[in-house]
Amino acid sequence: MIVDLFIGIISLLAKLLHGILSTIPFAVPTQVQQSITYFAQYAGYAGGIIDIPGVMGAFIFLINFLIAYFSFKVLMWAYHMIFARRVHEKQALPVQQKT
């Protein structure tokens, strides 16, 4: 019941954020679009030498791994800061104990 309420609140906030952001017009400037097209032409020349879909697949795997790795590190840091704090206070030396 509490989890359902929590998910409902998150869903409401996500819908609200989506509604706000969908009203903002977004367009890529022509200079950026031209530079991307220019770079893509040079990447097309390397298609016979380098396995571009394989490189992009490896890059996507790397990005997914890094996101998962650092998300896990943040989760463990949050656990350490919130739930394991009492353990450190119990195991502290008499000089280190907080009063």
Protein backbone atom coordinates (compact mmCIF):
# COMPACT_ATOMS: atom_id res chain seq x y z
CA MET A 1 0.00 0.00 0.00
CA ILE A 2 2.81 2.41 0.85
CA VAL A 3 4.76 1.30 -2.20
CA ASP A 4 1.68 1.83 -4.38
CA LEU A 5 1.32 5.35 -2.99
CA PHE A 6 5.02 6.02 -3.58
CA ILE A 7 4.80 4.77 -7.18
CA GLY A 8 1.66 6.87 -7.71
CA ILE A 9 3.41 10.01 -6.48
CA ILE A 10 6.42 9.32 -8.71
CA SER A 11 4.09 8.69 -11.67
CA LEU A 12 2.26 11.96 -11.01
CA LEU A 13 5.53 13.89 -10.83
CA ALA A 14 6.77 12.25 -14.04
CA LYS A 15 3.52 13.14 -15.86
CA LEU A 16 3.75 16.71 -14.56
CA LEU A 17 7.37 17.03 -15.69
CA HIS A 18 6.50 15.52 -19.09
CA GLY A 19 3.65 17.98 -19.51
CA ILE A 20 5.86 20.95 -18.69
CA LEU A 21 8.74 19.83 -20.91
CA SER A 22 6.47 18.92 -23.84
CA THR A 23 5.31 22.54 -24.10
CA ILE A 24 8.87 23.78 -24.66
CA PRO A 25 9.69 23.82 -28.38
CA PHE A 26 12.95 22.06 -29.13
CA ALA A 27 14.84 22.45 -32.39
CA VAL A 28 18.43 21.70 -33.31
CA PRO A 29 20.20 24.75 -34.74
CA THR A 30 21.14 24.44 -38.42
CA GLN A 31 24.86 24.79 -37.66
CA VAL A 32 24.75 21.81 -35.30
CA GLN A 33 22.77 19.76 -37.79
CA GLN A 34 25.23 20.60 -40.58
CA SER A 35 28.24 19.70 -38.44
CA ILE A 36 26.66 16.35 -37.50
CA THR A 37 25.97 15.63 -41.17
CA TYR A 38 29.55 16.62 -42.08
CA PHE A 39 30.97 14.29 -39.42
CA ALA A 40 28.64 11.46 -40.50
CA GLN A 41 30.04 11.69 -44.03
CA TYR A 42 33.56 11.10 -42.71
CA ALA A 43 32.30 8.24 -40.54
CA GLY A 44 30.80 6.72 -43.69
CA TYR A 45 34.27 6.59 -45.28
CA ALA A 46 35.55 4.53 -42.35
CA GLY A 47 32.72 2.01 -42.79
CA GLY A 48 34.86 -0.36 -44.84
CA ILE A 49 37.79 -0.24 -42.41
CA ILE A 50 36.10 -0.09 -39.00
CA ASP A 51 33.07 -2.10 -37.91
CA ILE A 52 31.01 0.96 -36.97
CA PRO A 53 27.91 -0.94 -35.71
CA GLY A 54 30.22 -3.10 -33.58
CA VAL A 55 32.01 -0.06 -32.18
CA MET A 56 28.68 1.63 -31.41
CA GLY A 57 27.45 -1.60 -29.76
CA ALA A 58 30.59 -1.70 -27.60
CA PHE A 59 30.14 1.98 -26.76
CA ILE A 60 26.51 1.38 -25.72
CA PHE A 61 27.63 -1.57 -23.59
CA LEU A 62 30.28 0.64 -21.96
CA ILE A 63 27.77 3.40 -21.21
CA ASN A 64 25.27 0.90 -19.75
CA PHE A 65 27.99 -0.66 -17.62
CA LEU A 66 29.19 2.70 -16.31
CA ILE A 67 25.66 3.81 -15.48
CA ALA A 68 25.00 0.55 -13.61
CA TYR A 69 28.38 0.67 -11.84
CA PHE A 70 28.06 4.23 -10.60
CA SER A 71 24.39 3.75 -9.70
CA PHE A 72 25.44 0.81 -7.53
CA LYS A 73 28.19 2.91 -5.96
CA VAL A 74 25.72 5.71 -5.17
CA LEU A 75 23.28 3.19 -3.72
CA MET A 76 26.00 1.68 -1.50
CA TRP A 77 27.16 5.15 -0.45
CA ALA A 78 23.60 6.09 0.49
CA TYR A 79 23.20 2.83 2.43
CA HIS A 80 26.47 3.49 4.21
CA MET A 81 25.53 7.06 5.09
CA ILE A 82 21.98 6.26 6.23
CA PHE A 83 21.80 2.74 7.64
CA ALA A 84 25.37 1.85 8.61
CA ARG A 85 26.06 5.01 10.60
CA ARG A 86 25.01 3.37 13.91
CA VAL A 87 27.47 0.54 13.32
CA HIS A 88 30.35 2.98 13.14
CA GLU A 89 29.22 4.74 16.29
CA LYS A 90 29.00 1.42 18.20
CA GLN A 91 32.44 0.26 17.01
CA ALA A 92 34.16 3.58 17.61
CA LEU A 93 36.97 3.88 20.10
CA PRO A 94 36.16 5.81 23.29
CA VAL A 95 37.95 8.89 21.96
CA GLN A 96 36.04 8.73 18.65
CA GLN A 97 32.57 8.29 20.15
CA LYS A 98 30.18 11.17 19.68
CA THR A 99 28.57 12.56 22.80
